[in-house]
């Protein structure tokens, strides 16, 4: 079947049923802040894990790690 006889274009009258979208500036700013906050918190979590692993390895290397009392 050929698509030549199908009229897939919207008339201008049909476009009046759809309201225009609100500006996206506020949403874009929020997305940027969410990404920045995610990167910051991810870096902070990674730094804390590295700090704990380093402390644990230092205790193991010095032989001062005690289990229990």
N, C-alpha and C. Protein backbone atom coordinates (compact mmCIF):
# COMPACT_ATOMS: atom_id res chain seq x y z
N UNK A 1 0.85 -1.18 0.00
CA UNK A 1 0.00 0.00 0.00
C UNK A 1 0.89 1.23 0.00
N UNK A 2 0.51 2.17 -0.80
CA UNK A 2 1.30 3.40 -0.89
C UNK A 2 0.80 4.43 0.10
N UNK A 3 1.69 5.26 0.58
CA UNK A 3 1.32 6.30 1.55
C UNK A 3 0.95 7.60 0.88
N UNK A 4 0.90 7.65 -0.44
CA UNK A 4 0.59 8.90 -1.13
C UNK A 4 -0.84 9.34 -0.86
N UNK A 5 -1.79 8.43 -0.75
CA UNK A 5 -3.18 8.83 -0.59
C UNK A 5 -3.55 9.07 0.88
N UNK A 6 -2.61 8.89 1.81
CA UNK A 6 -2.89 9.18 3.21
C UNK A 6 -2.49 10.62 3.53
N UNK A 7 -3.40 11.38 4.09
CA UNK A 7 -3.10 12.77 4.47
C UNK A 7 -2.75 12.78 5.96
N UNK A 8 -1.47 12.79 6.27
CA UNK A 8 -1.02 12.71 7.65
C UNK A 8 -0.71 14.07 8.26
N UNK A 9 -0.96 15.13 7.53
CA UNK A 9 -0.66 16.47 8.03
C UNK A 9 -1.85 17.02 8.81
N UNK A 10 -1.58 17.69 9.92
CA UNK A 10 -2.64 18.28 10.73
C UNK A 10 -3.05 19.62 10.15
N UNK A 11 -4.34 19.91 10.20
CA UNK A 11 -4.83 21.22 9.80
C UNK A 11 -4.58 22.20 10.94
N UNK A 12 -4.57 23.48 10.61
CA UNK A 12 -4.37 24.49 11.65
C UNK A 12 -5.50 24.49 12.66
N UNK A 13 -6.69 24.13 12.25
CA UNK A 13 -7.82 24.09 13.18
C UNK A 13 -7.63 22.98 14.22
N UNK A 14 -6.98 21.92 13.84
CA UNK A 14 -6.75 20.82 14.78
C UNK A 14 -5.75 21.18 15.86
N UNK A 15 -4.88 22.14 15.59
CA UNK A 15 -3.85 22.50 16.55
C UNK A 15 -4.40 23.35 17.69
N UNK A 16 -5.60 23.91 17.53
CA UNK A 16 -6.17 24.76 18.59
C UNK A 16 -6.61 23.95 19.80
N UNK A 17 -6.79 22.66 19.65
CA UNK A 17 -7.24 21.82 20.77
C UNK A 17 -6.13 21.58 21.78
N UNK A 18 -4.89 21.75 21.38
CA UNK A 18 -3.77 21.46 22.27
C UNK A 18 -3.21 22.77 22.83
N UNK A 19 -3.24 22.95 24.15
CA UNK A 19 -2.70 24.19 24.72
C UNK A 19 -1.18 24.21 24.59
N UNK A 20 -0.59 25.38 24.51
CA UNK A 20 0.88 25.44 24.41
C UNK A 20 1.52 24.98 25.71
N UNK A 21 2.69 24.43 25.61
CA UNK A 21 3.40 23.95 26.79
C UNK A 21 3.96 25.13 27.59
N UNK A 22 4.03 24.97 28.90
CA UNK A 22 4.65 26.04 29.71
C UNK A 22 6.16 26.07 29.46
N UNK A 23 6.80 27.18 29.77
CA UNK A 23 8.26 27.26 29.58
C UNK A 23 8.97 26.22 30.43
N UNK A 24 10.06 25.68 29.90
CA UNK A 24 10.78 24.59 30.56
C UNK A 24 11.99 25.09 31.34
N UNK A 25 12.15 26.39 31.51
CA UNK A 25 13.35 26.92 32.16
C UNK A 25 13.47 26.43 33.61
N UNK A 26 12.35 26.45 34.35
CA UNK A 26 12.41 26.03 35.75
C UNK A 26 12.74 24.55 35.84
N UNK A 27 12.17 23.76 34.96
CA UNK A 27 12.45 22.32 34.99
C UNK A 27 13.90 22.04 34.64
N UNK A 28 14.46 22.75 33.68
CA UNK A 28 15.86 22.55 33.30
C UNK A 28 16.78 22.91 34.47
N UNK A 29 16.47 24.00 35.17
CA UNK A 29 17.30 24.41 36.29
C UNK A 29 17.25 23.36 37.40
N UNK A 30 16.07 22.81 37.63
CA UNK A 30 15.92 21.79 38.66
C UNK A 30 16.72 20.54 38.29
N UNK A 31 16.71 20.18 37.03
CA UNK A 31 17.47 19.01 36.60
C UNK A 31 18.96 19.22 36.78
N UNK A 32 19.43 20.41 36.47
CA UNK A 32 20.86 20.72 36.65
C UNK A 32 21.24 20.64 38.13
N UNK A 33 20.37 21.16 38.98
CA UNK A 33 20.65 21.10 40.42
C UNK A 33 20.63 19.66 40.93
N UNK A 34 19.71 18.85 40.42
CA UNK A 34 19.65 17.45 40.84
C UNK A 34 20.91 16.70 40.41
N UNK A 35 21.38 16.95 39.21
CA UNK A 35 22.59 16.28 38.74
C UNK A 35 23.79 16.73 39.56
N UNK A 36 23.89 18.03 39.82
CA UNK A 36 25.01 18.54 40.61
C UNK A 36 24.98 17.97 42.04
N UNK A 37 23.80 17.89 42.63
CA UNK A 37 23.69 17.33 43.97
C UNK A 37 24.04 15.85 43.97
N UNK A 38 23.63 15.13 42.95
CA UNK A 38 23.96 13.71 42.85
C UNK A 38 25.45 13.47 42.72
N UNK A 39 26.10 14.29 41.91
CA UNK A 39 27.56 14.16 41.75
C UNK A 39 28.26 14.47 43.06
N UNK A 40 27.81 15.52 43.74
CA UNK A 40 28.43 15.89 45.02
C UNK A 40 28.25 14.80 46.06
N UNK A 41 27.03 14.29 46.21
CA UNK A 41 26.78 13.26 47.23
C UNK A 41 27.47 11.95 46.87
N UNK A 42 27.55 11.64 45.58
CA UNK A 42 28.28 10.44 45.16
C UNK A 42 29.76 10.54 45.48
N UNK A 43 30.34 11.71 45.24
CA UNK A 43 31.75 11.92 45.57
C UNK A 43 31.99 11.86 47.06
N UNK A 44 31.05 12.41 47.83
CA UNK A 44 31.18 12.37 49.29
C UNK A 44 31.11 10.93 49.80
N UNK A 45 30.18 10.15 49.27
CA UNK A 45 30.06 8.76 49.69
C UNK A 45 31.31 7.96 49.31
N UNK A 46 31.84 8.21 48.13
CA UNK A 46 33.06 7.52 47.71
C UNK A 46 34.23 7.89 48.61
N UNK A 47 34.32 9.16 48.97
CA UNK A 47 35.40 9.60 49.84
C UNK A 47 35.29 8.94 51.22
N UNK A 48 34.07 8.82 51.75
CA UNK A 48 33.89 8.18 53.05
C UNK A 48 34.24 6.70 53.01
N UNK A 49 33.90 6.03 51.93
CA UNK A 49 34.24 4.61 51.79
C UNK A 49 35.76 4.45 51.71
N UNK A 50 36.41 5.32 50.95
CA UNK A 50 37.87 5.25 50.85
C UNK A 50 38.53 5.53 52.19
N UNK A 51 37.98 6.47 52.95
CA UNK A 51 38.53 6.79 54.26
C UNK A 51 38.41 5.60 55.20
N UNK A 52 37.24 4.95 55.19
CA UNK A 52 37.06 3.76 56.04
C UNK A 52 37.96 2.62 55.62
N UNK A 53 38.12 2.41 54.32
CA UNK A 53 38.98 1.32 53.84
C UNK A 53 40.44 1.59 54.19
N UNK A 54 40.85 2.83 54.10
CA UNK A 54 42.23 3.19 54.43
C UNK A 54 42.48 2.98 55.92
N UNK A 55 41.53 3.38 56.75
CA UNK A 55 41.69 3.19 58.20
C UNK A 55 41.75 1.70 58.54
N UNK A 56 40.90 0.91 57.90
CA UNK A 56 40.91 -0.53 58.16
C UNK A 56 42.23 -1.16 57.71
N UNK A 57 42.73 -0.78 56.56
CA UNK A 57 44.00 -1.33 56.08
C UNK A 57 45.16 -0.90 56.97
N UNK A 58 45.11 0.33 57.49
CA UNK A 58 46.17 0.78 58.39
C UNK A 58 46.16 -0.03 59.69
N UNK A 59 44.97 -0.31 60.21
CA UNK A 59 44.89 -1.12 61.42
C UNK A 59 45.38 -2.55 61.16
N UNK A 60 45.01 -3.09 60.01
CA UNK A 60 45.49 -4.44 59.68
C UNK A 60 47.00 -4.47 59.51
N UNK A 61 47.56 -3.44 58.87
CA UNK A 61 49.00 -3.40 58.63
C UNK A 61 49.78 -3.26 59.94
N UNK A 62 49.22 -2.51 60.89
CA UNK A 62 49.92 -2.32 62.16
C UNK A 62 49.61 -3.43 63.15
N UNK A 63 48.64 -4.25 62.83
CA UNK A 63 48.30 -5.35 63.74
C UNK A 63 47.54 -4.90 64.95
N UNK A 64 46.85 -3.81 64.90
CA UNK A 64 46.14 -3.30 66.08
C UNK A 64 44.63 -3.51 65.97
N UNK A 65 44.21 -4.32 65.02
CA UNK A 65 42.78 -4.59 64.85
C UNK A 65 42.36 -5.66 65.85
N UNK A 66 41.38 -5.33 66.67
CA UNK A 66 40.91 -6.27 67.69
C UNK A 66 39.45 -6.60 67.44
N UNK A 67 39.12 -7.86 67.56
CA UNK A 67 37.74 -8.31 67.43
C UNK A 67 37.21 -8.59 68.83
N UNK A 68 36.04 -8.08 69.13
CA UNK A 68 35.47 -8.31 70.46
C UNK A 68 36.04 -7.34 71.48
N UNK A 69 36.23 -7.79 72.73
CA UNK A 69 36.69 -6.90 73.79
C UNK A 69 38.10 -7.11 74.01
